[in-house]
C-alpha cells in the first residue's frame, strides 16, 4: 500500500500544479488549457478511485483513504475553480467550455460523494462513487483525446 499511496499523493500534487491559472491568450491556448485541465482531473479522479478501491479491498485503512480522498477533493476544487476563472477568448472557446464544464463539475461532485460515503462507512455509496469516477475519468480522457 505504501507504494500505491505515494502514487496517489504524487498524482494529487501534479494535479495541483496543473491548476495554476494563467489567462488564455487565444482559442488555441484555451484549447490547450482545457486539455491540461481534463488531464489533471482524470488523474485526480483515478487517484481517488484507486484509494477507495484499496479500502474496499481491505488494503488500506479508512483514515488513510479519507485523507487521500479529501486531498483529491481539494485538488479537484482548485482545478475546477482555476478553469472556470478563465475567460473564453472567443465563441469557439465558449462552446468548448460548455462541453467541458459539466464533466468537470460532475467529477468534483462525485469525489465529494465518495468522501461522504467513506466517512459514513457506506460501502454501497463508496462502490457507486468508484464506478462513477471510472466513468468520469473515461469522459475526461475522451475529451482530452478529442481535443488533441
C-alpha atoms as a PDB file:
ATOM      1  CA  UNK A   1       0.000   0.000   0.000  1.00  0.00           C
ATOM      2  CA  UNK A   2       2.858   2.331   0.715  1.00  0.00           C
ATOM      3  CA  UNK A   3       3.824   2.362  -2.961  1.00  0.00           C
ATOM      4  CA  UNK A   4       0.220   2.962  -4.060  1.00  0.00           C
ATOM      5  CA  UNK A   5      -0.096   5.792  -1.537  1.00  0.00           C
ATOM      6  CA  UNK A   6       2.962   7.510  -2.951  1.00  0.00           C
ATOM      7  CA  UNK A   7       1.483   7.415  -6.453  1.00  0.00           C
ATOM      8  CA  UNK A   8      -1.820   8.781  -5.241  1.00  0.00           C
ATOM      9  CA  UNK A   9      -0.100  11.683  -3.474  1.00  0.00           C
ATOM     10  CA  UNK A  10       2.151  12.321  -6.493  1.00  0.00           C
ATOM     11  CA  UNK A  11      -0.834  12.454  -8.840  1.00  0.00           C
ATOM     12  CA  UNK A  12      -2.570  14.858  -6.480  1.00  0.00           C
ATOM     13  CA  UNK A  13       0.440  17.156  -6.389  1.00  0.00           C
ATOM     14  CA  UNK A  14       0.694  17.092 -10.169  1.00  0.00           C
ATOM     15  CA  UNK A  15      -2.978  17.985 -10.372  1.00  0.00           C
ATOM     16  CA  UNK A  16      -2.455  20.947  -8.057  1.00  0.00           C
ATOM     17  CA  UNK A  17       0.472  22.185 -10.137  1.00  0.00           C
ATOM     18  CA  UNK A  18      -1.616  21.939 -13.306  1.00  0.00           C
ATOM     19  CA  UNK A  19      -4.221  24.174 -11.705  1.00  0.00           C
ATOM     20  CA  UNK A  20      -2.084  27.329 -11.676  1.00  0.00           C
ATOM     21  CA  UNK A  21      -4.048  29.959 -13.596  1.00  0.00           C
ATOM     22  CA  UNK A  22      -2.756  31.985 -16.479  1.00  0.00           C
ATOM     23  CA  UNK A  23      -5.045  33.809 -18.903  1.00  0.00           C
ATOM     24  CA  UNK A  24      -5.954  32.219 -22.210  1.00  0.00           C
ATOM     25  CA  UNK A  25      -4.315  34.261 -24.938  1.00  0.00           C
ATOM     26  CA  UNK A  26      -6.369  32.854 -27.802  1.00  0.00           C
ATOM     27  CA  UNK A  27      -8.515  29.924 -28.847  1.00  0.00           C
ATOM     28  CA  UNK A  28      -5.540  27.564 -29.252  1.00  0.00           C
ATOM     29  CA  UNK A  29      -4.256  28.479 -25.792  1.00  0.00           C
ATOM     30  CA  UNK A  30      -7.735  27.933 -24.312  1.00  0.00           C
ATOM     31  CA  UNK A  31      -7.899  24.556 -26.039  1.00  0.00           C
ATOM     32  CA  UNK A  32      -4.538  23.606 -24.507  1.00  0.00           C
ATOM     33  CA  UNK A  33      -5.665  24.743 -21.056  1.00  0.00           C
ATOM     34  CA  UNK A  34      -8.850  22.692 -21.411  1.00  0.00           C
ATOM     35  CA  UNK A  35      -6.828  19.605 -22.356  1.00  0.00           C
ATOM     36  CA  UNK A  36      -4.494  20.180 -19.403  1.00  0.00           C
ATOM     37  CA  UNK A  37      -7.481  20.556 -17.073  1.00  0.00           C
ATOM     38  CA  UNK A  38      -9.060  17.339 -18.361  1.00  0.00           C
ATOM     39  CA  UNK A  39      -5.760  15.504 -17.923  1.00  0.00           C
ATOM     40  CA  UNK A  40      -5.250  16.790 -14.373  1.00  0.00           C
ATOM     41  CA  UNK A  41      -8.810  15.943 -13.328  1.00  0.00           C
ATOM     42  CA  UNK A  42      -8.584  12.458 -14.828  1.00  0.00           C
ATOM     43  CA  UNK A  43      -5.541  11.900 -12.612  1.00  0.00           C
ATOM     44  CA  UNK A  44      -7.389  13.193  -9.561  1.00  0.00           C
ATOM     45  CA  UNK A  45     -10.425  11.006 -10.321  1.00  0.00           C
ATOM     46  CA  UNK A  46      -8.256   7.922 -10.808  1.00  0.00           C
ATOM     47  CA  UNK A  47      -6.300   8.635  -7.624  1.00  0.00           C
ATOM     48  CA  UNK A  48      -9.490   8.913  -5.566  1.00  0.00           C
ATOM     49  CA  UNK A  49     -10.888   5.790  -7.241  1.00  0.00           C
ATOM     50  CA  UNK A  50      -7.750   3.741  -6.571  1.00  0.00           C
ATOM     51  CA  UNK A  51      -7.625   4.831  -2.941  1.00  0.00           C
ATOM     52  CA  UNK A  52     -11.283   3.930  -2.392  1.00  0.00           C
ATOM     53  CA  UNK A  53     -10.825   0.600  -4.154  1.00  0.00           C
ATOM     54  CA  UNK A  54      -7.905  -0.184  -1.853  1.00  0.00           C
ATOM     55  CA  UNK A  55     -10.171   0.484   1.157  1.00  0.00           C
ATOM     56  CA  UNK A  56     -12.951  -1.684  -0.267  1.00  0.00           C
ATOM     57  CA  UNK A  57     -10.415  -4.491  -0.811  1.00  0.00           C
ATOM     58  CA  UNK A  58      -9.168  -4.186   2.781  1.00  0.00           C
ATOM     59  CA  UNK A  59      -5.739  -2.984   1.644  1.00  0.00           C
ATOM     60  CA  UNK A  60      -5.915   0.468   3.230  1.00  0.00           C
ATOM     61  CA  UNK A  61      -7.401   1.960   6.364  1.00  0.00           C
ATOM     62  CA  UNK A  62     -10.350   4.322   6.248  1.00  0.00           C
ATOM     63  CA  UNK A  63      -8.451   7.241   7.893  1.00  0.00           C
ATOM     64  CA  UNK A  64      -5.651   6.925   5.335  1.00  0.00           C
ATOM     65  CA  UNK A  65      -8.052   6.779   2.388  1.00  0.00           C
ATOM     66  CA  UNK A  66     -10.173   9.568   3.852  1.00  0.00           C
ATOM     67  CA  UNK A  67      -7.102  11.782   3.967  1.00  0.00           C
ATOM     68  CA  UNK A  68      -6.215  10.993   0.347  1.00  0.00           C
ATOM     69  CA  UNK A  69      -9.779  11.465  -0.894  1.00  0.00           C
ATOM     70  CA  UNK A  70     -10.007  14.787   0.946  1.00  0.00           C
ATOM     71  CA  UNK A  71      -6.781  15.904  -0.754  1.00  0.00           C
ATOM     72  CA  UNK A  72      -8.199  14.833  -4.122  1.00  0.00           C
ATOM     73  CA  UNK A  73     -11.415  16.741  -3.373  1.00  0.00           C
ATOM     74  CA  UNK A  74      -9.383  19.867  -2.595  1.00  0.00           C
ATOM     75  CA  UNK A  75      -7.350  19.379  -5.777  1.00  0.00           C
ATOM     76  CA  UNK A  76     -10.493  18.951  -7.843  1.00  0.00           C
ATOM     77  CA  UNK A  77     -11.977  22.136  -6.430  1.00  0.00           C
ATOM     78  CA  UNK A  78      -8.797  24.066  -7.135  1.00  0.00           C
ATOM     79  CA  UNK A  79      -8.520  22.798 -10.702  1.00  0.00           C
ATOM     80  CA  UNK A  80     -12.207  23.439 -11.380  1.00  0.00           C
ATOM     81  CA  UNK A  81     -12.054  26.961  -9.947  1.00  0.00           C
ATOM     82  CA  UNK A  82      -8.958  27.733 -11.979  1.00  0.00           C
ATOM     83  CA  UNK A  83     -10.579  26.527 -15.198  1.00  0.00           C
ATOM     84  CA  UNK A  84     -13.806  28.393 -14.517  1.00  0.00           C
ATOM     85  CA  UNK A  85     -11.889  31.601 -13.789  1.00  0.00           C
ATOM     86  CA  UNK A  86     -10.516  31.728 -17.326  1.00  0.00           C
ATOM     87  CA  UNK A  87     -12.414  33.919 -19.733  1.00  0.00           C
ATOM     88  CA  UNK A  88     -13.005  32.121 -23.052  1.00  0.00           C
ATOM     89  CA  UNK A  89     -11.399  34.388 -25.665  1.00  0.00           C
ATOM     90  CA  UNK A  90     -13.970  33.711 -28.405  1.00  0.00           C
ATOM     91  CA  UNK A  91     -17.228  31.935 -29.252  1.00  0.00           C
ATOM     92  CA  UNK A  92     -15.451  28.688 -30.167  1.00  0.00           C
ATOM     93  CA  UNK A  93     -13.747  28.635 -26.751  1.00  0.00           C
ATOM     94  CA  UNK A  94     -17.042  29.434 -25.005  1.00  0.00           C
ATOM     95  CA  UNK A  95     -18.625  26.429 -26.750  1.00  0.00           C
ATOM     96  CA  UNK A  96     -15.696  24.275 -25.631  1.00  0.00           C
ATOM     97  CA  UNK A  97     -16.180  25.433 -22.062  1.00  0.00           C
ATOM     98  CA  UNK A  98     -19.877  24.485 -22.229  1.00  0.00           C
ATOM     99  CA  UNK A  99     -18.862  20.969 -23.316  1.00  0.00           C
ATOM    100  CA  UNK A 100     -16.095  20.534 -20.746  1.00  0.00           C
ATOM    101  CA  UNK A 101     -17.637  22.141 -17.674  1.00  0.00           C
ATOM    102  CA  UNK A 102     -20.354  19.523 -16.947  1.00  0.00           C
ATOM    103  CA  UNK A 103     -17.868  16.640 -16.719  1.00  0.00           C
ATOM    104  CA  UNK A 104     -15.509  18.789 -14.646  1.00  0.00           C
ATOM    105  CA  UNK A 105     -18.284  19.639 -12.188  1.00  0.00           C
ATOM    106  CA  UNK A 106     -19.580  16.052 -12.096  1.00  0.00           C
ATOM    107  CA  UNK A 107     -16.112  14.722 -11.306  1.00  0.00           C
ATOM    108  CA  UNK A 108     -15.742  17.079  -8.352  1.00  0.00           C
ATOM    109  CA  UNK A 109     -19.249  16.273  -7.131  1.00  0.00           C
ATOM    110  CA  UNK A 110     -18.545  12.540  -7.311  1.00  0.00           C
ATOM    111  CA  UNK A 111     -15.333  12.911  -5.307  1.00  0.00           C
ATOM    112  CA  UNK A 112     -17.357  14.775  -2.653  1.00  0.00           C
ATOM    113  CA  UNK A 113     -19.923  11.952  -2.697  1.00  0.00           C
ATOM    114  CA  UNK A 114     -17.069   9.485  -2.232  1.00  0.00           C
ATOM    115  CA  UNK A 115     -15.735  11.367   0.787  1.00  0.00           C
ATOM    116  CA  UNK A 116     -19.189  11.465   2.377  1.00  0.00           C
ATOM    117  CA  UNK A 117     -19.837   7.754   1.765  1.00  0.00           C
ATOM    118  CA  UNK A 118     -16.374   6.813   3.005  1.00  0.00           C
ATOM    119  CA  UNK A 119     -16.758   8.765   6.251  1.00  0.00           C
ATOM    120  CA  UNK A 120     -20.173   7.216   6.785  1.00  0.00           C
ATOM    121  CA  UNK A 121     -18.790   3.732   6.146  1.00  0.00           C
ATOM    122  CA  UNK A 122     -21.336   3.193   3.365  1.00  0.00           C
ATOM    123  CA  UNK A 123     -19.770   0.503   1.204  1.00  0.00           C
ATOM    124  CA  UNK A 124     -22.548   0.775  -1.384  1.00  0.00           C
ATOM    125  CA  UNK A 125     -22.012   4.535  -1.720  1.00  0.00           C
ATOM    126  CA  UNK A 126     -18.255   4.072  -1.993  1.00  0.00           C
ATOM    127  CA  UNK A 127     -18.703   1.402  -4.675  1.00  0.00           C
ATOM    128  CA  UNK A 128     -21.072   3.670  -6.610  1.00  0.00           C
ATOM    129  CA  UNK A 129     -18.624   6.569  -6.403  1.00  0.00           C
ATOM    130  CA  UNK A 130     -15.764   4.319  -7.567  1.00  0.00           C
ATOM    131  CA  UNK A 131     -17.884   3.306 -10.567  1.00  0.00           C
ATOM    132  CA  UNK A 132     -18.871   6.906 -11.280  1.00  0.00           C
ATOM    133  CA  UNK A 133     -15.249   8.061 -11.031  1.00  0.00           C
ATOM    134  CA  UNK A 134     -14.221   5.441 -13.555  1.00  0.00           C
ATOM    135  CA  UNK A 135     -16.847   6.886 -15.889  1.00  0.00           C
ATOM    136  CA  UNK A 136     -15.726  10.467 -15.194  1.00  0.00           C
ATOM    137  CA  UNK A 137     -12.073   9.611 -15.817  1.00  0.00           C
ATOM    138  CA  UNK A 138     -13.003   7.949 -19.116  1.00  0.00           C
ATOM    139  CA  UNK A 139     -15.044  11.008 -20.147  1.00  0.00           C
ATOM    140  CA  UNK A 140     -12.169  13.330 -19.257  1.00  0.00           C
ATOM    141  CA  UNK A 141      -9.692  11.196 -21.184  1.00  0.00           C
ATOM    142  CA  UNK A 142     -12.086  11.100 -24.138  1.00  0.00           C
ATOM    143  CA  UNK A 143     -12.421  14.885 -24.024  1.00  0.00           C
ATOM    144  CA  UNK A 144      -8.666  15.242 -23.954  1.00  0.00           C
ATOM    145  CA  UNK A 145      -8.272  12.858 -26.906  1.00  0.00           C
ATOM    146  CA  UNK A 146     -10.926  14.698 -28.969  1.00  0.00           C
ATOM    147  CA  UNK A 147      -9.110  17.970 -28.382  1.00  0.00           C
ATOM    148  CA  UNK A 148      -5.710  16.590 -29.427  1.00  0.00           C
END
